[in-house]
Amino acid sequence: MHMQTERQMRILKAQSEQQIYSRIMDARLKLESTETFTKMAEESPIFAERFTVVDKPDEYYIIVAFLDLFEFLFRLNKRYDRY
């Protein structure tokens, strides 16, 4: 019984973490898709350099979002692979 409760708590924690990640990514993508954000980013030397490797800033944002997703999934898998 105690083992089952601990497992359920770990599962709930993982689900909560996934929901938080989803909300953060949704807010981030909405923010990055605004013209104001893109204009500000283009004024940044760091972003300006990064934008040179893509055709449009939106492509950069999508690539970064995928990389973040892969990192998140890898971390989840590493942490919760015992289920």
PDB file of N, CA and C in Angstrom:
ATOM      1  N   MET A   1       0.832  -1.197   0.000  1.00  0.00           N
ATOM      2  CA  MET A   1       0.000   0.000   0.000  1.00  0.00           C
ATOM      3  C   MET A   1       0.873   1.256   0.000  1.00  0.00           C
ATOM      4  N   HIS A   2       1.875   1.258   0.864  1.00  0.00           N
ATOM      5  CA  HIS A   2       2.763   2.423   0.952  1.00  0.00           C
ATOM      6  C   HIS A   2       3.524   2.631  -0.352  1.00  0.00           C
ATOM      7  N   MET A   3       3.964   1.533  -0.976  1.00  0.00           N
ATOM      8  CA  MET A   3       4.690   1.613  -2.243  1.00  0.00           C
ATOM      9  C   MET A   3       3.791   2.179  -3.337  1.00  0.00           C
ATOM     10  N   GLN A   4       2.530   1.764  -3.322  1.00  0.00           N
ATOM     11  CA  GLN A   4       1.591   2.248  -4.331  1.00  0.00           C
ATOM     12  C   GLN A   4       1.354   3.749  -4.162  1.00  0.00           C
ATOM     13  N   THR A   5       1.250   4.213  -2.932  1.00  0.00           N
ATOM     14  CA  THR A   5       1.041   5.636  -2.663  1.00  0.00           C
ATOM     15  C   THR A   5       2.248   6.451  -3.113  1.00  0.00           C
ATOM     16  N   GLU A   6       3.442   5.966  -2.839  1.00  0.00           N
ATOM     17  CA  GLU A   6       4.655   6.655  -3.278  1.00  0.00           C
ATOM     18  C   GLU A   6       4.703   6.733  -4.804  1.00  0.00           C
ATOM     19  N   ARG A   7       4.348   5.659  -5.443  1.00  0.00           N
ATOM     20  CA  ARG A   7       4.336   5.632  -6.918  1.00  0.00           C
ATOM     21  C   ARG A   7       3.323   6.626  -7.463  1.00  0.00           C
ATOM     22  N   GLN A   8       2.140   6.648  -6.858  1.00  0.00           N
ATOM     23  CA  GLN A   8       1.113   7.589  -7.290  1.00  0.00           C
ATOM     24  C   GLN A   8       1.584   9.034  -7.106  1.00  0.00           C
ATOM     25  N   MET A   9       2.281   9.310  -6.022  1.00  0.00           N
ATOM     26  CA  MET A   9       2.801  10.658  -5.770  1.00  0.00           C
ATOM     27  C   MET A   9       3.842  11.028  -6.825  1.00  0.00           C
ATOM     28  N   ARG A  10       4.704  10.090  -7.188  1.00  0.00           N
ATOM     29  CA  ARG A  10       5.708  10.358  -8.225  1.00  0.00           C
ATOM     30  C   ARG A  10       5.030  10.627  -9.574  1.00  0.00           C
ATOM     31  N   ILE A  11       4.002   9.861  -9.870  1.00  0.00           N
ATOM     32  CA  ILE A  11       3.270  10.053 -11.120  1.00  0.00           C
ATOM     33  C   ILE A  11       2.589  11.421 -11.131  1.00  0.00           C
ATOM     34  N   LEU A  12       1.948  11.804 -10.025  1.00  0.00           N
ATOM     35  CA  LEU A  12       1.305  13.114  -9.937  1.00  0.00           C
ATOM     36  C   LEU A  12       2.329  14.240 -10.068  1.00  0.00           C
ATOM     37  N   LYS A  13       3.487  14.057  -9.472  1.00  0.00           N
ATOM     38  CA  LYS A  13       4.544  15.060  -9.576  1.00  0.00           C
ATOM     39  C   LYS A  13       4.986  15.212 -11.029  1.00  0.00           C
ATOM     40  N   ALA A  14       5.163  14.090 -11.713  1.00  0.00           N
ATOM     41  CA  ALA A  14       5.565  14.123 -13.123  1.00  0.00           C
ATOM     42  C   ALA A  14       4.495  14.796 -13.969  1.00  0.00           C
ATOM     43  N   GLN A  15       3.232  14.486 -13.716  1.00  0.00           N
ATOM     44  CA  GLN A  15       2.143  15.102 -14.474  1.00  0.00           C
ATOM     45  C   GLN A  15       2.090  16.610 -14.222  1.00  0.00           C
ATOM     46  N   SER A  16       2.293  17.014 -12.982  1.00  0.00           N
ATOM     47  CA  SER A  16       2.302  18.444 -12.659  1.00  0.00           C
ATOM     48  C   SER A  16       3.449  19.138 -13.375  1.00  0.00           C
ATOM     49  N   GLU A  17       4.599  18.507 -13.372  1.00  0.00           N
ATOM     50  CA  GLU A  17       5.754  19.072 -14.059  1.00  0.00           C
ATOM     51  C   GLU A  17       5.477  19.214 -15.556  1.00  0.00           C
ATOM     52  N   GLN A  18       4.834  18.229 -16.130  1.00  0.00           N
ATOM     53  CA  GLN A  18       4.500  18.281 -17.555  1.00  0.00           C
ATOM     54  C   GLN A  18       3.511  19.413 -17.851  1.00  0.00           C
ATOM     55  N   GLN A  19       2.540  19.601 -16.974  1.00  0.00           N
ATOM     56  CA  GLN A  19       1.560  20.669 -17.170  1.00  0.00           C
ATOM     57  C   GLN A  19       2.222  22.041 -17.053  1.00  0.00           C
ATOM     58  N   ILE A  20       3.114  22.190 -16.090  1.00  0.00           N
ATOM     59  CA  ILE A  20       3.828  23.460 -15.928  1.00  0.00           C
ATOM     60  C   ILE A  20       4.675  23.728 -17.161  1.00  0.00           C
ATOM     61  N   TYR A  21       5.387  22.722 -17.625  1.00  0.00           N
ATOM     62  CA  TYR A  21       6.213  22.885 -18.827  1.00  0.00           C
ATOM     63  C   TYR A  21       5.340  23.308 -20.011  1.00  0.00           C
ATOM     64  N   SER A  22       4.212  22.657 -20.167  1.00  0.00           N
ATOM     65  CA  SER A  22       3.316  22.958 -21.280  1.00  0.00           C
ATOM     66  C   SER A  22       2.844  24.410 -21.227  1.00  0.00           C
ATOM     67  N   ARG A  23       2.497  24.874 -20.055  1.00  0.00           N
ATOM     68  CA  ARG A  23       2.033  26.264 -19.911  1.00  0.00           C
ATOM     69  C   ARG A  23       3.152  27.260 -20.194  1.00  0.00           C
ATOM     70  N   ILE A  24       4.340  26.956 -19.721  1.00  0.00           N
ATOM     71  CA  ILE A  24       5.481  27.848 -19.972  1.00  0.00           C
ATOM     72  C   ILE A  24       5.771  27.925 -21.463  1.00  0.00           C
ATOM     73  N   MET A  25       5.794  26.779 -22.139  1.00  0.00           N
ATOM     74  CA  MET A  25       6.080  26.766 -23.569  1.00  0.00           C
ATOM     75  C   MET A  25       4.985  27.486 -24.362  1.00  0.00           C
ATOM     76  N   ASP A  26       3.743  27.312 -23.953  1.00  0.00           N
ATOM     77  CA  ASP A  26       2.648  27.988 -24.635  1.00  0.00           C
ATOM     78  C   ASP A  26       2.797  29.504 -24.497  1.00  0.00           C
ATOM     79  N   ALA A  27       3.066  29.967 -23.292  1.00  0.00           N
ATOM     80  CA  ALA A  27       3.249  31.403 -23.069  1.00  0.00           C
ATOM     81  C   ALA A  27       4.458  31.923 -23.833  1.00  0.00           C
ATOM     82  N   ARG A  28       5.525  31.148 -23.835  1.00  0.00           N
ATOM     83  CA  ARG A  28       6.741  31.556 -24.535  1.00  0.00           C
ATOM     84  C   ARG A  28       6.506  31.685 -26.037  1.00  0.00           C
ATOM     85  N   LEU A  29       5.852  30.694 -26.631  1.00  0.00           N
ATOM     86  CA  LEU A  29       5.601  30.738 -28.070  1.00  0.00           C
ATOM     87  C   LEU A  29       4.660  31.883 -28.438  1.00  0.00           C
ATOM     88  N   LYS A  30       3.682  32.153 -27.583  1.00  0.00           N
ATOM     89  CA  LYS A  30       2.783  33.287 -27.842  1.00  0.00           C
ATOM     90  C   LYS A  30       3.565  34.598 -27.782  1.00  0.00           C
ATOM     91  N   LEU A  31       4.433  34.721 -26.806  1.00  0.00           N
ATOM     92  CA  LEU A  31       5.243  35.932 -26.672  1.00  0.00           C
ATOM     93  C   LEU A  31       6.194  36.094 -27.851  1.00  0.00           C
ATOM     94  N   GLU A  32       6.888  35.015 -28.192  1.00  0.00           N
ATOM     95  CA  GLU A  32       7.869  35.090 -29.272  1.00  0.00           C
ATOM     96  C   GLU A  32       7.225  35.317 -30.634  1.00  0.00           C
ATOM     97  N   SER A  33       5.966  35.011 -30.768  1.00  0.00           N
ATOM     98  CA  SER A  33       5.319  35.194 -32.067  1.00  0.00           C
ATOM     99  C   SER A  33       4.805  36.618 -32.265  1.00  0.00           C
ATOM    100  N   THR A  34       5.001  37.481 -31.281  1.00  0.00           N
ATOM    101  CA  THR A  34       4.559  38.862 -31.442  1.00  0.00           C
ATOM    102  C   THR A  34       5.606  39.671 -32.195  1.00  0.00           C
ATOM    103  N   GLU A  35       5.135  40.643 -32.923  1.00  0.00           N
ATOM    104  CA  GLU A  35       6.037  41.512 -33.695  1.00  0.00           C
ATOM    105  C   GLU A  35       6.937  42.319 -32.758  1.00  0.00           C
ATOM    106  N   THR A  36       6.405  42.733 -31.626  1.00  0.00           N
ATOM    107  CA  THR A  36       7.186  43.518 -30.660  1.00  0.00           C
ATOM    108  C   THR A  36       8.380  42.723 -30.146  1.00  0.00           C
ATOM    109  N   PHE A  37       8.143  41.466 -29.792  1.00  0.00           N
ATOM    110  CA  PHE A  37       9.240  40.635 -29.291  1.00  0.00           C
ATOM    111  C   PHE A  37      10.314  40.466 -30.365  1.00  0.00           C
ATOM    112  N   THR A  38       9.885  40.190 -31.581  1.00  0.00           N
ATOM    113  CA  THR A  38      10.838  39.987 -32.673  1.00  0.00           C
ATOM    114  C   THR A  38      11.657  41.249 -32.927  1.00  0.00           C
ATOM    115  N   LYS A  39      11.017  42.413 -32.895  1.00  0.00           N
ATOM    116  CA  LYS A  39      11.759  43.662 -33.082  1.00  0.00           C
ATOM    117  C   LYS A  39      12.798  43.850 -31.982  1.00  0.00           C
ATOM    118  N   MET A  40      12.398  43.577 -30.747  1.00  0.00           N
ATOM    119  CA  MET A  40      13.346  43.697 -29.628  1.00  0.00           C
ATOM    120  C   MET A  40      14.481  42.697 -29.779  1.00  0.00           C
ATOM    121  N   ALA A  41      14.156  41.478 -30.176  1.00  0.00           N
ATOM    122  CA  ALA A  41      15.175  40.446 -30.342  1.00  0.00           C
ATOM    123  C   ALA A  41      16.158  40.818 -31.445  1.00  0.00           C
ATOM    124  N   GLU A  42      15.660  41.392 -32.527  1.00  0.00           N
ATOM    125  CA  GLU A  42      16.539  41.773 -33.635  1.00  0.00           C
ATOM    126  C   GLU A  42      17.533  42.859 -33.227  1.00  0.00           C
ATOM    127  N   GLU A  43      17.191  43.651 -32.219  1.00  0.00           N
ATOM    128  CA  GLU A  43      18.091  44.684 -31.721  1.00  0.00           C
ATOM    129  C   GLU A  43      19.173  44.111 -30.810  1.00  0.00           C
ATOM    130  N   SER A  44      18.985  42.890 -30.371  1.00  0.00           N
ATOM    131  CA  SER A  44      19.963  42.228 -29.506  1.00  0.00           C
ATOM    132  C   SER A  44      21.052  41.599 -30.373  1.00  0.00           C
ATOM    133  N   PRO A  45      22.321  41.872 -30.079  1.00  0.00           N
ATOM    134  CA  PRO A  45      23.401  41.264 -30.868  1.00  0.00           C
ATOM    135  C   PRO A  45      23.366  39.727 -30.831  1.00  0.00           C
ATOM    136  N   ILE A  46      22.965  39.173 -29.723  1.00  0.00           N
ATOM    137  CA  ILE A  46      22.911  37.711 -29.583  1.00  0.00           C
ATOM    138  C   ILE A  46      21.845  37.134 -30.507  1.00  0.00           C
ATOM    139  N   PHE A  47      20.625  37.692 -30.438  1.00  0.00           N
ATOM    140  CA  PHE A  47      19.552  37.196 -31.295  1.00  0.00           C
ATOM    141  C   PHE A  47      19.827  37.496 -32.761  1.00  0.00           C
ATOM    142  N   ALA A  48      20.362  38.666 -33.038  1.00  0.00           N
ATOM    143  CA  ALA A  48      20.665  39.026 -34.433  1.00  0.00           C
ATOM    144  C   ALA A  48      21.599  37.992 -35.049  1.00  0.00           C
ATOM    145  N   GLU A  49      22.588  37.563 -34.291  1.00  0.00           N
ATOM    146  CA  GLU A  49      23.514  36.536 -34.793  1.00  0.00           C
ATOM    147  C   GLU A  49      22.789  35.206 -35.002  1.00  0.00           C
ATOM    148  N   ARG A  50      21.932  34.848 -34.075  1.00  0.00           N
ATOM    149  CA  ARG A  50      21.195  33.584 -34.189  1.00  0.00           C
ATOM    150  C   ARG A  50      20.228  33.601 -35.367  1.00  0.00           C
ATOM    151  N   PHE A  51      19.631  34.745 -35.646  1.00  0.00           N
ATOM    152  CA  PHE A  51      18.688  34.848 -36.750  1.00  0.00           C
ATOM    153  C   PHE A  51      19.364  34.684 -38.106  1.00  0.00           C
ATOM    154  N   THR A  52      20.676  34.832 -38.167  1.00  0.00           N
ATOM    155  CA  THR A  52      21.376  34.699 -39.450  1.00  0.00           C
ATOM    156  C   THR A  52      21.372  33.257 -39.962  1.00  0.00           C
ATOM    157  N   VAL A  53      21.116  32.294 -39.100  1.00  0.00           N
ATOM    158  CA  VAL A  53      21.150  30.884 -39.519  1.00  0.00           C
ATOM    159  C   VAL A  53      19.785  30.361 -39.988  1.00  0.00           C
ATOM    160  N   VAL A  54      18.766  31.227 -39.925  1.00  0.00           N
ATOM    161  CA  VAL A  54      17.427  30.840 -40.368  1.00  0.00           C
ATOM    162  C   VAL A  54      16.898  31.890 -41.335  1.00  0.00           C
ATOM    163  N   ASP A  55      15.837  31.534 -42.057  1.00  0.00           N
ATOM    164  CA  ASP A  55      15.234  32.484 -43.000  1.00  0.00           C
ATOM    165  C   ASP A  55      14.356  33.516 -42.297  1.00  0.00           C
ATOM    166  N   LYS A  56      13.657  33.073 -41.239  1.00  0.00           N
ATOM    167  CA  LYS A  56      12.746  33.959 -40.517  1.00  0.00           C
ATOM    168  C   LYS A  56      12.937  33.733 -39.012  1.00  0.00           C
ATOM    169  N   PRO A  57      12.737  34.759 -38.190  1.00  0.00           N
ATOM    170  CA  PRO A  57      12.848  34.574 -36.740  1.00  0.00           C
ATOM    171  C   PRO A  57      11.940  33.465 -36.205  1.00  0.00           C
ATOM    172  N   ASP A  58      10.759  33.302 -36.800  1.00  0.00           N
ATOM    173  CA  ASP A  58       9.845  32.250 -36.339  1.00  0.00           C
ATOM    174  C   ASP A  58      10.493  30.870 -36.419  1.00  0.00           C
ATOM    175  N   GLU A  59      11.295  30.651 -37.453  1.00  0.00           N
ATOM    176  CA  GLU A  59      11.981  29.363 -37.592  1.00  0.00           C
ATOM    177  C   GLU A  59      12.945  29.140 -36.427  1.00  0.00           C
ATOM    178  N   TYR A  60      13.638  30.186 -36.030  1.00  0.00           N
ATOM    179  CA  TYR A  60      14.556  30.077 -34.889  1.00  0.00           C
ATOM    180  C   TYR A  60      13.782  29.704 -33.626  1.00  0.00           C
ATOM    181  N   TYR A  61      12.655  30.394 -33.386  1.00  0.00           N
ATOM    182  CA  TYR A  61      11.865  30.121 -32.181  1.00  0.00           C
ATOM    183  C   TYR A  61      11.368  28.673 -32.161  1.00  0.00           C
ATOM    184  N   ILE A  62      10.963  28.172 -33.307  1.00  0.00           N
ATOM    185  CA  ILE A  62      10.469  26.791 -33.379  1.00  0.00           C
ATOM    186  C   ILE A  62      11.596  25.802 -33.094  1.00  0.00           C
ATOM    187  N   ILE A  63      12.758  26.050 -33.658  1.00  0.00           N
ATOM    188  CA  ILE A  63      13.902  25.162 -33.420  1.00  0.00           C
ATOM    189  C   ILE A  63      14.253  25.127 -31.944  1.00  0.00           C
ATOM    190  N   VAL A  64      14.307  26.293 -31.331  1.00  0.00           N
ATOM    191  CA  VAL A  64      14.644  26.361 -29.905  1.00  0.00           C
ATOM    192  C   VAL A  64      13.574  25.662 -29.065  1.00  0.00           C
ATOM    193  N   ALA A  65      12.312  25.829 -29.433  1.00  0.00           N
ATOM    194  CA  ALA A  65      11.233  25.157 -28.701  1.00  0.00           C
ATOM    195  C   ALA A  65      11.368  23.641 -28.798  1.00  0.00           C
ATOM    196  N   PHE A  66      11.716  23.132 -29.990  1.00  0.00           N
ATOM    197  CA  PHE A  66      11.929  21.687 -30.139  1.00  0.00           C
ATOM    198  C   PHE A  66      13.114  21.215 -29.300  1.00  0.00           C
ATOM    199  N   LEU A  67      14.183  21.967 -29.300  1.00  0.00           N
ATOM    200  CA  LEU A  67      15.345  21.589 -28.486  1.00  0.00           C
ATOM    201  C   LEU A  67      14.987  21.557 -27.008  1.00  0.00           C
ATOM    202  N   ASP A  68      14.221  22.542 -26.565  1.00  0.00           N
ATOM    203  CA  ASP A  68      13.770  22.553 -25.170  1.00  0.00           C
ATOM    204  C   ASP A  68      12.878  21.361 -24.867  1.00  0.00           C
ATOM    205  N   LEU A  69      12.007  21.024 -25.809  1.00  0.00           N
ATOM    206  CA  LEU A  69      11.123  19.874 -25.623  1.00  0.00           C
ATOM    207  C   LEU A  69      11.928  18.584 -25.520  1.00  0.00           C
ATOM    208  N   PHE A  70      12.894  18.409 -26.407  1.00  0.00           N
ATOM    209  CA  PHE A  70      13.732  17.201 -26.347  1.00  0.00           C
ATOM    210  C   PHE A  70      14.480  17.119 -25.022  1.00  0.00           C
ATOM    211  N   GLU A  71      15.008  18.242 -24.577  1.00  0.00           N
ATOM    212  CA  GLU A  71      15.726  18.262 -23.301  1.00  0.00           C
ATOM    213  C   GLU A  71      14.791  17.907 -22.153  1.00  0.00           C
ATOM    214  N   PHE A  72      13.593  18.454 -22.180  1.00  0.00           N
ATOM    215  CA  PHE A  72      12.607  18.166 -21.138  1.00  0.00           C
ATOM    216  C   PHE A  72      12.227  16.689 -21.140  1.00  0.00           C
ATOM    217  N   LEU A  73      11.949  16.135 -22.312  1.00  0.00           N
ATOM    218  CA  LEU A  73      11.582  14.722 -22.404  1.00  0.00           C
ATOM    219  C   LEU A  73      12.730  13.812 -21.964  1.00  0.00           C
ATOM    220  N   PHE A  74      13.942  14.166 -22.332  1.00  0.00           N
ATOM    221  CA  PHE A  74      15.102  13.379 -21.911  1.00  0.00           C
ATOM    222  C   PHE A  74      15.215  13.389 -20.392  1.00  0.00           C
ATOM    223  N   ARG A  75      15.038  14.572 -19.810  1.00  0.00           N
ATOM    224  CA  ARG A  75      15.133  14.685 -18.350  1.00  0.00           C
ATOM    225  C   ARG A  75      14.022  13.893 -17.669  1.00  0.00           C
ATOM    226  N   LEU A  76      12.807  13.966 -18.209  1.00  0.00           N
ATOM    227  CA  LEU A  76      11.706  13.178 -17.644  1.00  0.00           C
ATOM    228  C   LEU A  76      11.993  11.683 -17.740  1.00  0.00           C
ATOM    229  N   ASN A  77      12.458  11.271 -18.902  1.00  0.00           N
ATOM    230  CA  ASN A  77      12.760   9.857 -19.094  1.00  0.00           C
ATOM    231  C   ASN A  77      13.845   9.393 -18.122  1.00  0.00           C
ATOM    232  N   LYS A  78      14.846  10.198 -17.957  1.00  0.00           N
ATOM    233  CA  LYS A  78      15.945   9.849 -17.048  1.00  0.00           C
ATOM    234  C   LYS A  78      15.455   9.769 -15.612  1.00  0.00           C
ATOM    235  N   ARG A  79      14.597  10.705 -15.231  1.00  0.00           N
ATOM    236  CA  ARG A  79      14.119  10.769 -13.846  1.00  0.00           C
ATOM    237  C   ARG A  79      13.081   9.705 -13.557  1.00  0.00           C
ATOM    238  N   TYR A  80      12.187   9.443 -14.509  1.00  0.00           N
ATOM    239  CA  TYR A  80      11.044   8.574 -14.242  1.00  0.00           C
ATOM    240  C   TYR A  80      11.081   7.267 -15.027  1.00  0.00           C
ATOM    241  N   ASP A  81      12.240   6.828 -15.431  1.00  0.00           N
ATOM    242  CA  ASP A  81      12.325   5.612 -16.247  1.00  0.00           C
ATOM    243  C   ASP A  81      12.003   4.353 -15.465  1.00  0.00           C
ATOM    244  N   ARG A  82      11.835   4.449 -14.208  1.00  0.00           N
ATOM    245  CA  ARG A  82      11.546   3.249 -13.395  1.00  0.00           C
ATOM    246  C   ARG A  82      10.074   2.904 -13.335  1.00  0.00           C
ATOM    247  N   TYR A  83       9.204   3.653 -14.045  1.00  0.00           N
ATOM    248  CA  TYR A  83       7.755   3.351 -14.005  1.00  0.00           C
ATOM    249  C   TYR A  83       7.472   2.183 -14.883  1.00  0.00           C
TER     250      TYR A  83
END
